[in-house]
C-alpha atoms as a PDB file:
ATOM      1  CA  MET A   1      70.646  65.064   0.361  1.00  0.00           C
ATOM      2  CA  SER A   2      68.299  64.575   2.896  1.00  0.00           C
ATOM      3  CA  PHE A   3      68.899  65.315   6.675  1.00  0.00           C
ATOM      4  CA  ARG A   4      68.816  61.634   7.679  1.00  0.00           C
ATOM      5  CA  ILE A   5      71.643  60.907   5.400  1.00  0.00           C
ATOM      6  CA  ALA A   6      73.456  64.125   6.014  1.00  0.00           C
ATOM      7  CA  PHE A   7      73.300  63.197   9.706  1.00  0.00           C
ATOM      8  CA  GLN A   8      74.398  59.386   9.308  1.00  0.00           C
ATOM      9  CA  HIS A   9      77.417  60.859   7.496  1.00  0.00           C
ATOM     10  CA  LYS A  10      78.214  63.295  10.026  1.00  0.00           C
ATOM     11  CA  ILE A  11      78.155  60.193  12.739  1.00  0.00           C
ATOM     12  CA  ALA A  12      80.212  57.943  10.349  1.00  0.00           C
ATOM     13  CA  GLU A  13      82.769  60.939  10.223  1.00  0.00           C
ATOM     14  CA  ILE A  14      83.165  61.619  13.799  1.00  0.00           C
ATOM     15  CA  ILE A  15      83.145  57.732  14.684  1.00  0.00           C
ATOM     16  CA  LEU A  16      86.020  56.913  12.424  1.00  0.00           C
ATOM     17  CA  LEU A  17      87.836  60.221  13.275  1.00  0.00           C
ATOM     18  CA  ASN A  18      87.551  59.656  16.989  1.00  0.00           C
ATOM     19  CA  GLU A  19      88.281  55.829  17.011  1.00  0.00           C
ATOM     20  CA  THR A  20      90.719  55.381  13.968  1.00  0.00           C
ATOM     21  CA  LYS A  21      92.269  58.868  13.564  1.00  0.00           C
ATOM     22  CA  VAL A  22      91.141  58.814  10.014  1.00  0.00           C
ATOM     23  CA  ALA A  23      89.456  61.705   8.345  1.00  0.00           C
ATOM     24  CA  VAL A  24      86.795  60.780   5.656  1.00  0.00           C
ATOM     25  CA  VAL A  25      84.087  62.899   3.933  1.00  0.00           C
ATOM     26  CA  PRO A  26      80.999  62.318   2.773  1.00  0.00           C
ATOM     27  CA  GLY A  27      80.692  60.721  -1.045  1.00  0.00           C
ATOM     28  CA  LEU A  28      78.641  63.656  -2.256  1.00  0.00           C
ATOM     29  CA  LYS A  29      77.066  63.785  -5.708  1.00  0.00           C
ATOM     30  CA  GLN A  30      78.393  66.858  -6.362  1.00  0.00           C
ATOM     31  CA  TRP A  31      82.001  66.147  -5.414  1.00  0.00           C
ATOM     32  CA  ILE A  32      82.124  62.474  -6.799  1.00  0.00           C
ATOM     33  CA  GLY A  33      79.061  62.023  -9.150  1.00  0.00           C
ATOM     34  CA  ASP A  34      75.851  59.800  -9.400  1.00  0.00           C
ATOM     35  CA  GLY A  35      75.659  56.820  -7.169  1.00  0.00           C
ATOM     36  CA  THR A  36      77.836  57.900  -4.062  1.00  0.00           C
ATOM     37  CA  GLU A  37      74.838  58.604  -1.648  1.00  0.00           C
ATOM     38  CA  GLY A  38      76.041  56.415   1.217  1.00  0.00           C
ATOM     39  CA  TYR A  39      79.543  55.823   0.784  1.00  0.00           C
ATOM     40  CA  ILE A  40      82.600  58.271   2.316  1.00  0.00           C
ATOM     41  CA  ARG A  41      85.373  59.807   0.696  1.00  0.00           C
ATOM     42  CA  MET A  42      89.257  59.811   1.543  1.00  0.00           C
ATOM     43  CA  SER A  43      91.833  61.927   0.081  1.00  0.00           C
ATOM     44  CA  PHE A  44      95.131  59.675  -0.786  1.00  0.00           C
ATOM     45  CA  VAL A  45      97.653  62.631  -0.100  1.00  0.00           C
ATOM     46  CA  SER A  46     100.399  61.042   1.777  1.00  0.00           C
ATOM     47  CA  SER A  47     102.882  58.125   1.658  1.00  0.00           C
ATOM     48  CA  GLU A  48     101.962  54.699   0.481  1.00  0.00           C
ATOM     49  CA  GLU A  49     102.986  53.281   4.051  1.00  0.00           C
ATOM     50  CA  ILE A  50     100.947  56.006   5.912  1.00  0.00           C
ATOM     51  CA  LEU A  51      97.920  55.090   3.707  1.00  0.00           C
ATOM     52  CA  ILE A  52      98.126  51.488   3.868  1.00  0.00           C
ATOM     53  CA  ASP A  53      98.171  51.930   7.702  1.00  0.00           C
ATOM     54  CA  ALA A  54      95.309  54.025   7.740  1.00  0.00           C
ATOM     55  CA  LEU A  55      93.176  51.647   5.917  1.00  0.00           C
ATOM     56  CA  GLU A  56      94.103  48.720   7.729  1.00  0.00           C
ATOM     57  CA  THR A  57      93.072  50.660  10.907  1.00  0.00           C
ATOM     58  CA  VAL A  58      89.749  51.312   9.031  1.00  0.00           C
ATOM     59  CA  LYS A  59      89.391  47.558   8.203  1.00  0.00           C
ATOM     60  CA  LYS A  60      90.062  46.644  11.604  1.00  0.00           C
ATOM     61  CA  TYR A  61      87.766  48.751  13.340  1.00  0.00           C
ATOM     62  CA  LEU A  62      84.755  47.970  10.821  1.00  0.00           C
ATOM     63  CA  LYS A  63      85.180  44.479  11.400  1.00  0.00           C
END
């Protein structure tokens, strides 16, 4: 992963955490597989209600 892409991922992580209180990590090839560069990864280890609320919050922020 290039420095530019790593930096962009880190900025996206920080902004989403600060603005939506939802934590994400980069979709790194070694974690997910080919074709994931530029994507984020979310861990769904919570209740469905909390997950829906978190995804709606991120969706509203990104619009």
